[in-house]
Amino acid sequence: MKKDTIACGILSALGSMILSAVLIMVVFFVLGIPFLSNLRVFILSFVAPILLLRYYTKKLQYIKTAKAIAITLFFTLLPFIVLLVRMGEIL
């Protein structure tokens, strides 16, 4: 995915978030830990898009892709934080 497009940024951000979340769920399943009671750990799934954002900005200098990753990250992180607050996981 070496194109400077908005679609590339959205797909790479969502794909990395979903892949990270699935990996966390598999680890929880293997260890026998219920993942619904530990939703705060899923904040780690937002690390991969942040690293992608840095890679596309610094290394490749794909500004459109970086903007799409940043916007996708914002619009997925905000509802996740609202969900955590409403469930009483934080604050």
PDB file of N, CA and C in Angstrom:
ATOM      1  N   MET A   1       0.840  -1.178   0.000  1.00  0.00           N
ATOM      2  CA  MET A   1       0.000   0.000   0.000  1.00  0.00           C
ATOM      3  C   MET A   1       0.882   1.237   0.000  1.00  0.00           C
ATOM      4  N   LYS A   2       1.496   1.491  -1.094  1.00  0.00           N
ATOM      5  CA  LYS A   2       2.406   2.614  -1.211  1.00  0.00           C
ATOM      6  C   LYS A   2       1.814   3.738  -2.040  1.00  0.00           C
ATOM      7  N   LYS A   3       0.563   4.073  -1.794  1.00  0.00           N
ATOM      8  CA  LYS A   3      -0.076   5.159  -2.521  1.00  0.00           C
ATOM      9  C   LYS A   3      -0.523   6.224  -1.543  1.00  0.00           C
ATOM     10  N   ASP A   4      -0.417   7.448  -1.972  1.00  0.00           N
ATOM     11  CA  ASP A   4      -0.812   8.568  -1.137  1.00  0.00           C
ATOM     12  C   ASP A   4      -2.286   8.898  -1.393  1.00  0.00           C
ATOM     13  N   THR A   5      -3.166   8.048  -0.842  1.00  0.00           N
ATOM     14  CA  THR A   5      -4.595   8.252  -1.015  1.00  0.00           C
ATOM     15  C   THR A   5      -5.297   8.201   0.329  1.00  0.00           C
ATOM     16  N   ILE A   6      -6.471   8.775   0.363  1.00  0.00           N
ATOM     17  CA  ILE A   6      -7.274   8.770   1.587  1.00  0.00           C
ATOM     18  C   ILE A   6      -7.749   7.363   1.906  1.00  0.00           C
ATOM     19  N   ALA A   7      -8.136   6.612   0.884  1.00  0.00           N
ATOM     20  CA  ALA A   7      -8.610   5.241   1.096  1.00  0.00           C
ATOM     21  C   ALA A   7      -7.514   4.355   1.686  1.00  0.00           C
ATOM     22  N   CYS A   8      -6.301   4.552   1.243  1.00  0.00           N
ATOM     23  CA  CYS A   8      -5.178   3.782   1.784  1.00  0.00           C
ATOM     24  C   CYS A   8      -4.996   4.071   3.277  1.00  0.00           C
ATOM     25  N   GLY A   9      -5.141   5.321   3.671  1.00  0.00           N
ATOM     26  CA  GLY A   9      -4.997   5.694   5.071  1.00  0.00           C
ATOM     27  C   GLY A   9      -6.097   5.115   5.940  1.00  0.00           C
ATOM     28  N   ILE A  10      -7.329   5.186   5.452  1.00  0.00           N
ATOM     29  CA  ILE A  10      -8.448   4.648   6.225  1.00  0.00           C
ATOM     30  C   ILE A  10      -8.339   3.136   6.361  1.00  0.00           C
ATOM     31  N   LEU A  11      -8.029   2.462   5.260  1.00  0.00           N
ATOM     32  CA  LEU A  11      -7.918   1.001   5.297  1.00  0.00           C
ATOM     33  C   LEU A  11      -6.754   0.533   6.157  1.00  0.00           C
ATOM     34  N   SER A  12      -5.624   1.201   6.067  1.00  0.00           N
ATOM     35  CA  SER A  12      -4.484   0.774   6.868  1.00  0.00           C
ATOM     36  C   SER A  12      -4.720   1.037   8.362  1.00  0.00           C
ATOM     37  N   ALA A  13      -5.365   2.148   8.692  1.00  0.00           N
ATOM     38  CA  ALA A  13      -5.646   2.442  10.097  1.00  0.00           C
ATOM     39  C   ALA A  13      -6.657   1.455  10.673  1.00  0.00           C
ATOM     40  N   LEU A  14      -7.769   1.256   9.970  1.00  0.00           N
ATOM     41  CA  LEU A  14      -8.782   0.322  10.465  1.00  0.00           C
ATOM     42  C   LEU A  14      -8.258  -1.119  10.492  1.00  0.00           C
ATOM     43  N   GLY A  15      -7.519  -1.478   9.465  1.00  0.00           N
ATOM     44  CA  GLY A  15      -6.968  -2.833   9.420  1.00  0.00           C
ATOM     45  C   GLY A  15      -6.005  -3.111  10.560  1.00  0.00           C
ATOM     46  N   SER A  16      -5.140  -2.160  10.863  1.00  0.00           N
ATOM     47  CA  SER A  16      -4.189  -2.367  11.951  1.00  0.00           C
ATOM     48  C   SER A  16      -4.888  -2.379  13.309  1.00  0.00           C
ATOM     49  N   MET A  17      -5.939  -1.559  13.464  1.00  0.00           N
ATOM     50  CA  MET A  17      -6.696  -1.572  14.727  1.00  0.00           C
ATOM     51  C   MET A  17      -7.417  -2.904  14.923  1.00  0.00           C
ATOM     52  N   ILE A  18      -8.061  -3.369  13.870  1.00  0.00           N
ATOM     53  CA  ILE A  18      -8.808  -4.628  13.966  1.00  0.00           C
ATOM     54  C   ILE A  18      -7.867  -5.793  14.208  1.00  0.00           C
ATOM     55  N   LEU A  19      -6.742  -5.807  13.509  1.00  0.00           N
ATOM     56  CA  LEU A  19      -5.766  -6.883  13.696  1.00  0.00           C
ATOM     57  C   LEU A  19      -5.214  -6.893  15.119  1.00  0.00           C
ATOM     58  N   SER A  20      -4.919  -5.735  15.650  1.00  0.00           N
ATOM     59  CA  SER A  20      -4.413  -5.640  17.022  1.00  0.00           C
ATOM     60  C   SER A  20      -5.468  -6.079  18.038  1.00  0.00           C
ATOM     61  N   ALA A  21      -6.715  -5.671  17.829  1.00  0.00           N
ATOM     62  CA  ALA A  21      -7.788  -6.052  18.749  1.00  0.00           C
ATOM     63  C   ALA A  21      -8.032  -7.557  18.715  1.00  0.00           C
ATOM     64  N   VAL A  22      -7.992  -8.139  17.530  1.00  0.00           N
ATOM     65  CA  VAL A  22      -8.168  -9.592  17.422  1.00  0.00           C
ATOM     66  C   VAL A  22      -7.025 -10.316  18.109  1.00  0.00           C
ATOM     67  N   LEU A  23      -5.816  -9.808  17.957  1.00  0.00           N
ATOM     68  CA  LEU A  23      -4.664 -10.423  18.625  1.00  0.00           C
ATOM     69  C   LEU A  23      -4.811 -10.358  20.145  1.00  0.00           C
ATOM     70  N   ILE A  24      -5.284  -9.242  20.659  1.00  0.00           N
ATOM     71  CA  ILE A  24      -5.507  -9.116  22.102  1.00  0.00           C
ATOM     72  C   ILE A  24      -6.589 -10.088  22.563  1.00  0.00           C
ATOM     73  N   MET A  25      -7.666 -10.221  21.773  1.00  0.00           N
ATOM     74  CA  MET A  25      -8.743 -11.150  22.139  1.00  0.00           C
ATOM     75  C   MET A  25      -8.247 -12.597  22.137  1.00  0.00           C
ATOM     76  N   VAL A  26      -7.397 -12.950  21.196  1.00  0.00           N
ATOM     77  CA  VAL A  26      -6.851 -14.317  21.145  1.00  0.00           C
ATOM     78  C   VAL A  26      -5.982 -14.582  22.367  1.00  0.00           C
ATOM     79  N   VAL A  27      -5.177 -13.611  22.756  1.00  0.00           N
ATOM     80  CA  VAL A  27      -4.343 -13.783  23.952  1.00  0.00           C
ATOM     81  C   VAL A  27      -5.218 -13.945  25.190  1.00  0.00           C
ATOM     82  N   PHE A  28      -6.277 -13.139  25.302  1.00  0.00           N
ATOM     83  CA  PHE A  28      -7.195 -13.280  26.427  1.00  0.00           C
ATOM     84  C   PHE A  28      -7.871 -14.643  26.418  1.00  0.00           C
ATOM     85  N   PHE A  29      -8.266 -15.104  25.249  1.00  0.00           N
ATOM     86  CA  PHE A  29      -8.929 -16.403  25.143  1.00  0.00           C
ATOM     87  C   PHE A  29      -7.990 -17.537  25.542  1.00  0.00           C
ATOM     88  N   VAL A  30      -6.749 -17.465  25.110  1.00  0.00           N
ATOM     89  CA  VAL A  30      -5.765 -18.505  25.450  1.00  0.00           C
ATOM     90  C   VAL A  30      -5.486 -18.516  26.946  1.00  0.00           C
ATOM     91  N   LEU A  31      -5.413 -17.339  27.545  1.00  0.00           N
ATOM     92  CA  LEU A  31      -5.140 -17.254  28.976  1.00  0.00           C
ATOM     93  C   LEU A  31      -6.381 -17.471  29.835  1.00  0.00           C
ATOM     94  N   GLY A  32      -7.555 -17.503  29.227  1.00  0.00           N
ATOM     95  CA  GLY A  32      -8.790 -17.731  29.971  1.00  0.00           C
ATOM     96  C   GLY A  32      -9.289 -16.512  30.712  1.00  0.00           C
ATOM     97  N   ILE A  33      -8.918 -15.337  30.246  1.00  0.00           N
ATOM     98  CA  ILE A  33      -9.329 -14.091  30.886  1.00  0.00           C
ATOM     99  C   ILE A  33     -10.526 -13.531  30.118  1.00  0.00           C
ATOM    100  N   PRO A  34     -11.614 -13.157  30.803  1.00  0.00           N
ATOM    101  CA  PRO A  34     -12.745 -12.548  30.085  1.00  0.00           C
ATOM    102  C   PRO A  34     -12.365 -11.149  29.611  1.00  0.00           C
ATOM    103  N   PHE A  35     -12.468 -10.921  28.297  1.00  0.00           N
ATOM    104  CA  PHE A  35     -12.014  -9.635  27.768  1.00  0.00           C
ATOM    105  C   PHE A  35     -13.038  -8.534  27.921  1.00  0.00           C
ATOM    106  N   LEU A  36     -14.292  -8.848  28.197  1.00  0.00           N
ATOM    107  CA  LEU A  36     -15.286  -7.795  28.391  1.00  0.00           C
ATOM    108  C   LEU A  36     -15.088  -7.042  29.703  1.00  0.00           C
ATOM    109  N   SER A  37     -14.494  -7.717  30.681  1.00  0.00           N
ATOM    110  CA  SER A  37     -14.247  -7.037  31.952  1.00  0.00           C
ATOM    111  C   SER A  37     -12.917  -6.278  31.940  1.00  0.00           C
ATOM    112  N   ASN A  38     -12.139  -6.432  30.884  1.00  0.00           N
ATOM    113  CA  ASN A  38     -10.845  -5.763  30.773  1.00  0.00           C
ATOM    114  C   ASN A  38     -10.767  -4.943  29.490  1.00  0.00           C
ATOM    115  N   LEU A  39     -11.741  -4.099  29.262  1.00  0.00           N
ATOM    116  CA  LEU A  39     -11.776  -3.327  28.028  1.00  0.00           C
ATOM    117  C   LEU A  39     -10.668  -2.284  27.936  1.00  0.00           C
ATOM    118  N   ARG A  40     -10.112  -1.883  29.062  1.00  0.00           N
ATOM    119  CA  ARG A  40      -9.052  -0.873  29.030  1.00  0.00           C
ATOM    120  C   ARG A  40      -7.826  -1.350  28.274  1.00  0.00           C
ATOM    121  N   VAL A  41      -7.617  -2.646  28.235  1.00  0.00           N
ATOM    122  CA  VAL A  41      -6.445  -3.194  27.559  1.00  0.00           C
ATOM    123  C   VAL A  41      -6.541  -2.974  26.049  1.00  0.00           C
ATOM    124  N   PHE A  42      -7.744  -2.864  25.529  1.00  0.00           N
ATOM    125  CA  PHE A  42      -7.928  -2.688  24.093  1.00  0.00           C
ATOM    126  C   PHE A  42      -7.452  -1.320  23.606  1.00  0.00           C
ATOM    127  N   ILE A  43      -7.067  -0.437  24.524  1.00  0.00           N
ATOM    128  CA  ILE A  43      -6.479   0.836  24.118  1.00  0.00           C
ATOM    129  C   ILE A  43      -5.150   0.586  23.401  1.00  0.00           C
ATOM    130  N   LEU A  44      -4.551  -0.573  23.645  1.00  0.00           N
ATOM    131  CA  LEU A  44      -3.305  -0.924  22.966  1.00  0.00           C
ATOM    132  C   LEU A  44      -3.492  -1.129  21.471  1.00  0.00           C
ATOM    133  N   SER A  45      -4.709  -1.389  21.044  1.00  0.00           N
ATOM    134  CA  SER A  45      -4.941  -1.567  19.617  1.00  0.00           C
ATOM    135  C   SER A  45      -4.815  -0.254  18.844  1.00  0.00           C
ATOM    136  N   PHE A  46      -4.720   0.871  19.541  1.00  0.00           N
ATOM    137  CA  PHE A  46      -4.545   2.160  18.881  1.00  0.00           C
ATOM    138  C   PHE A  46      -3.070   2.519  18.712  1.00  0.00           C
ATOM    139  N   VAL A  47      -2.183   1.682  19.192  1.00  0.00           N
ATOM    140  CA  VAL A  47      -0.751   1.948  19.046  1.00  0.00           C
ATOM    141  C   VAL A  47      -0.301   1.738  17.606  1.00  0.00           C
ATOM    142  N   ALA A  48      -0.806   0.699  16.954  1.00  0.00           N
ATOM    143  CA  ALA A  48      -0.398   0.399  15.584  1.00  0.00           C
ATOM    144  C   ALA A  48      -0.730   1.540  14.610  1.00  0.00           C
ATOM    145  N   PRO A  49      -1.938   2.120  14.649  1.00  0.00           N
ATOM    146  CA  PRO A  49      -2.184   3.251  13.744  1.00  0.00           C
ATOM    147  C   PRO A  49      -1.312   4.476  14.043  1.00  0.00           C
ATOM    148  N   ILE A  50      -0.949   4.661  15.301  1.00  0.00           N
ATOM    149  CA  ILE A  50      -0.069   5.775  15.643  1.00  0.00           C
ATOM    150  C   ILE A  50       1.310   5.558  15.024  1.00  0.00           C
ATOM    151  N   LEU A  51       1.789   4.320  15.077  1.00  0.00           N
ATOM    152  CA  LEU A  51       3.065   4.010  14.440  1.00  0.00           C
ATOM    153  C   LEU A  51       2.979   4.129  12.919  1.00  0.00           C
ATOM    154  N   LEU A  52       1.846   3.714  12.347  1.00  0.00           N
ATOM    155  CA  LEU A  52       1.641   3.900  10.909  1.00  0.00           C
ATOM    156  C   LEU A  52       1.616   5.376  10.533  1.00  0.00           C
ATOM    157  N   LEU A  53       0.996   6.178  11.366  1.00  0.00           N
ATOM    158  CA  LEU A  53       0.932   7.615  11.123  1.00  0.00           C
ATOM    159  C   LEU A  53       2.338   8.203  11.072  1.00  0.00           C
ATOM    160  N   ARG A  54       3.160   7.812  12.000  1.00  0.00           N
ATOM    161  CA  ARG A  54       4.544   8.290  12.010  1.00  0.00           C
ATOM    162  C   ARG A  54       5.299   7.809  10.778  1.00  0.00           C
ATOM    163  N   TYR A  55       5.095   6.547  10.387  1.00  0.00           N
ATOM    164  CA  TYR A  55       5.789   5.991   9.230  1.00  0.00           C
ATOM    165  C   TYR A  55       5.391   6.719   7.950  1.00  0.00           C
ATOM    166  N   TYR A  56       4.095   6.916   7.744  1.00  0.00           N
ATOM    167  CA  TYR A  56       3.646   7.573   6.522  1.00  0.00           C
ATOM    168  C   TYR A  56       4.007   9.056   6.497  1.00  0.00           C
ATOM    169  N   THR A  57       4.157   9.667   7.655  1.00  0.00           N
ATOM    170  CA  THR A  57       4.506  11.081   7.695  1.00  0.00           C
ATOM    171  C   THR A  57       6.005  11.299   7.541  1.00  0.00           C
ATOM    172  N   LYS A  58       6.784  10.613   8.347  1.00  0.00           N
ATOM    173  CA  LYS A  58       8.225  10.856   8.368  1.00  0.00           C
ATOM    174  C   LYS A  58       8.961  10.156   7.229  1.00  0.00           C
ATOM    175  N   LYS A  59       8.728   8.858   7.077  1.00  0.00           N
ATOM    176  CA  LYS A  59       9.504   8.060   6.127  1.00  0.00           C
ATOM    177  C   LYS A  59       9.061   8.283   4.683  1.00  0.00           C
ATOM    178  N   LEU A  60       7.773   8.134   4.408  1.00  0.00           N
ATOM    179  CA  LEU A  60       7.287   8.207   3.039  1.00  0.00           C
ATOM    180  C   LEU A  60       6.805   9.593   2.637  1.00  0.00           C
ATOM    181  N   GLN A  61       6.464  10.407   3.606  1.00  0.00           N
ATOM    182  CA  GLN A  61       5.922  11.746   3.414  1.00  0.00           C
ATOM    183  C   GLN A  61       4.663  11.737   2.545  1.00  0.00           C
ATOM    184  N   TYR A  62       3.765  10.822   2.891  1.00  0.00           N
ATOM    185  CA  TYR A  62       2.451  10.740   2.242  1.00  0.00           C
ATOM    186  C   TYR A  62       1.461  11.492   3.122  1.00  0.00           C
ATOM    187  N   ILE A  63       1.217  12.725   2.813  1.00  0.00           N
ATOM    188  CA  ILE A  63       0.432  13.597   3.673  1.00  0.00           C
ATOM    189  C   ILE A  63      -1.049  13.235   3.642  1.00  0.00           C
ATOM    190  N   LYS A  64      -1.603  12.914   2.477  1.00  0.00           N
ATOM    191  CA  LYS A  64      -3.020  12.542   2.406  1.00  0.00           C
ATOM    192  C   LYS A  64      -3.295  11.286   3.222  1.00  0.00           C
ATOM    193  N   THR A  65      -2.421  10.311   3.112  1.00  0.00           N
ATOM    194  CA  THR A  65      -2.588   9.071   3.866  1.00  0.00           C
ATOM    195  C   THR A  65      -2.464   9.339   5.358  1.00  0.00           C
ATOM    196  N   ALA A  66      -1.510  10.163   5.747  1.00  0.00           N
ATOM    197  CA  ALA A  66      -1.319  10.486   7.164  1.00  0.00           C
ATOM    198  C   ALA A  66      -2.527  11.227   7.733  1.00  0.00           C
ATOM    199  N   LYS A  67      -3.100  12.136   6.942  1.00  0.00           N
ATOM    200  CA  LYS A  67      -4.296  12.853   7.403  1.00  0.00           C
ATOM    201  C   LYS A  67      -5.467  11.888   7.586  1.00  0.00           C
ATOM    202  N   ALA A  68      -5.615  10.956   6.660  1.00  0.00           N
ATOM    203  CA  ALA A  68      -6.705   9.983   6.766  1.00  0.00           C
ATOM    204  C   ALA A  68      -6.515   9.080   7.982  1.00  0.00           C
ATOM    205  N   ILE A  69      -5.276   8.699   8.264  1.00  0.00           N
ATOM    206  CA  ILE A  69      -5.007   7.879   9.449  1.00  0.00           C
ATOM    207  C   ILE A  69      -5.329   8.672  10.712  1.00  0.00           C
ATOM    208  N   ALA A  70      -4.931   9.931  10.754  1.00  0.00           N
ATOM    209  CA  ALA A  70      -5.187  10.763  11.938  1.00  0.00           C
ATOM    210  C   ALA A  70      -6.681  10.958  12.166  1.00  0.00           C
ATOM    211  N   ILE A  71      -7.419  11.205  11.104  1.00  0.00           N
ATOM    212  CA  ILE A  71      -8.866  11.406  11.239  1.00  0.00           C
ATOM    213  C   ILE A  71      -9.554  10.108  11.651  1.00  0.00           C
ATOM    214  N   THR A  72      -9.149   8.994  11.058  1.00  0.00           N
ATOM    215  CA  THR A  72      -9.712   7.697  11.439  1.00  0.00           C
ATOM    216  C   THR A  72      -9.392   7.377  12.889  1.00  0.00           C
ATOM    217  N   LEU A  73      -8.174   7.665  13.289  1.00  0.00           N
ATOM    218  CA  LEU A  73      -7.769   7.425  14.677  1.00  0.00           C
ATOM    219  C   LEU A  73      -8.611   8.251  15.637  1.00  0.00           C
ATOM    220  N   PHE A  74      -8.861   9.500  15.300  1.00  0.00           N
ATOM    221  CA  PHE A  74      -9.672  10.366  16.152  1.00  0.00           C
ATOM    222  C   PHE A  74     -11.107   9.854  16.255  1.00  0.00           C
ATOM    223  N   PHE A  75     -11.698   9.513  15.112  1.00  0.00           N
ATOM    224  CA  PHE A  75     -13.099   9.099  15.106  1.00  0.00           C
ATOM    225  C   PHE A  75     -13.323   7.681  15.612  1.00  0.00           C
ATOM    226  N   THR A  76     -12.283   6.926  15.862  1.00  0.00           N
ATOM    227  CA  THR A  76     -12.439   5.629  16.516  1.00  0.00           C
ATOM    228  C   THR A  76     -12.033   5.685  17.989  1.00  0.00           C
ATOM    229  N   LEU A  77     -11.071   6.541  18.296  1.00  0.00           N
ATOM    230  CA  LEU A  77     -10.635   6.653  19.687  1.00  0.00           C
ATOM    231  C   LEU A  77     -11.659   7.374  20.552  1.00  0.00           C
ATOM    232  N   LEU A  78     -12.289   8.386  20.011  1.00  0.00           N
ATOM    233  CA  LEU A  78     -13.276   9.156  20.767  1.00  0.00           C
ATOM    234  C   LEU A  78     -14.458   8.294  21.231  1.00  0.00           C
ATOM    235  N   PRO A  79     -15.112   7.520  20.360  1.00  0.00           N
ATOM    236  CA  PRO A  79     -16.200   6.660  20.852  1.00  0.00           C
ATOM    237  C   PRO A  79     -15.724   5.582  21.818  1.00  0.00           C
ATOM    238  N   PHE A  80     -14.493   5.110  21.636  1.00  0.00           N
ATOM    239  CA  PHE A  80     -13.960   4.105  22.559  1.00  0.00           C
ATOM    240  C   PHE A  80     -13.803   4.689  23.956  1.00  0.00           C
ATOM    241  N   ILE A  81     -13.315   5.906  24.050  1.00  0.00           N
ATOM    242  CA  ILE A  81     -13.167   6.543  25.358  1.00  0.00           C
ATOM    243  C   ILE A  81     -14.532   6.819  25.977  1.00  0.00           C
ATOM    244  N   VAL A  82     -15.501   7.256  25.167  1.00  0.00           N
ATOM    245  CA  VAL A  82     -16.860   7.481  25.673  1.00  0.00           C
ATOM    246  C   VAL A  82     -17.445   6.168  26.196  1.00  0.00           C
ATOM    247  N   LEU A  83     -17.223   5.077  25.479  1.00  0.00           N
ATOM    248  CA  LEU A  83     -17.699   3.758  25.923  1.00  0.00           C
ATOM    249  C   LEU A  83     -17.063   3.361  27.249  1.00  0.00           C
ATOM    250  N   LEU A  84     -15.767   3.578  27.398  1.00  0.00           N
ATOM    251  CA  LEU A  84     -15.103   3.251  28.649  1.00  0.00           C
ATOM    252  C   LEU A  84     -15.626   4.083  29.806  1.00  0.00           C
ATOM    253  N   VAL A  85     -15.904   5.358  29.570  1.00  0.00           N
ATOM    254  CA  VAL A  85     -16.432   6.223  30.639  1.00  0.00           C
ATOM    255  C   VAL A  85     -17.831   5.784  31.029  1.00  0.00           C
ATOM    256  N   ARG A  86     -18.662   5.466  30.046  1.00  0.00           N
ATOM    257  CA  ARG A  86     -20.035   5.059  30.357  1.00  0.00           C
ATOM    258  C   ARG A  86     -20.099   3.717  31.058  1.00  0.00           C
ATOM    259  N   MET A  87     -19.149   2.831  30.775  1.00  0.00           N
ATOM    260  CA  MET A  87     -19.129   1.534  31.438  1.00  0.00           C
ATOM    261  C   MET A  87     -18.466   1.623  32.815  1.00  0.00           C
ATOM    262  N   GLY A  88     -17.878   2.746  33.136  1.00  0.00           N
ATOM    263  CA  GLY A  88     -17.240   2.921  34.438  1.00  0.00           C
ATOM    264  C   GLY A  88     -15.843   2.354  34.497  1.00  0.00           C
ATOM    265  N   GLU A  89     -15.228   2.097  33.367  1.00  0.00           N
ATOM    266  CA  GLU A  89     -13.868   1.552  33.345  1.00  0.00           C
ATOM    267  C   GLU A  89     -12.847   2.621  33.705  1.00  0.00           C
ATOM    268  N   ILE A  90     -13.097   3.858  33.286  1.00  0.00           N
ATOM    269  CA  ILE A  90     -12.207   4.966  33.633  1.00  0.00           C
ATOM    270  C   ILE A  90     -13.047   6.098  34.191  1.00  0.00           C
ATOM    271  N   LEU A  91     -12.433   6.916  34.983  1.00  0.00           N
ATOM    272  CA  LEU A  91     -13.061   8.046  35.667  1.00  0.00           C
ATOM    273  C   LEU A  91     -14.140   7.557  36.519  1.00  0.00           C
TER     274      LEU A  91
END
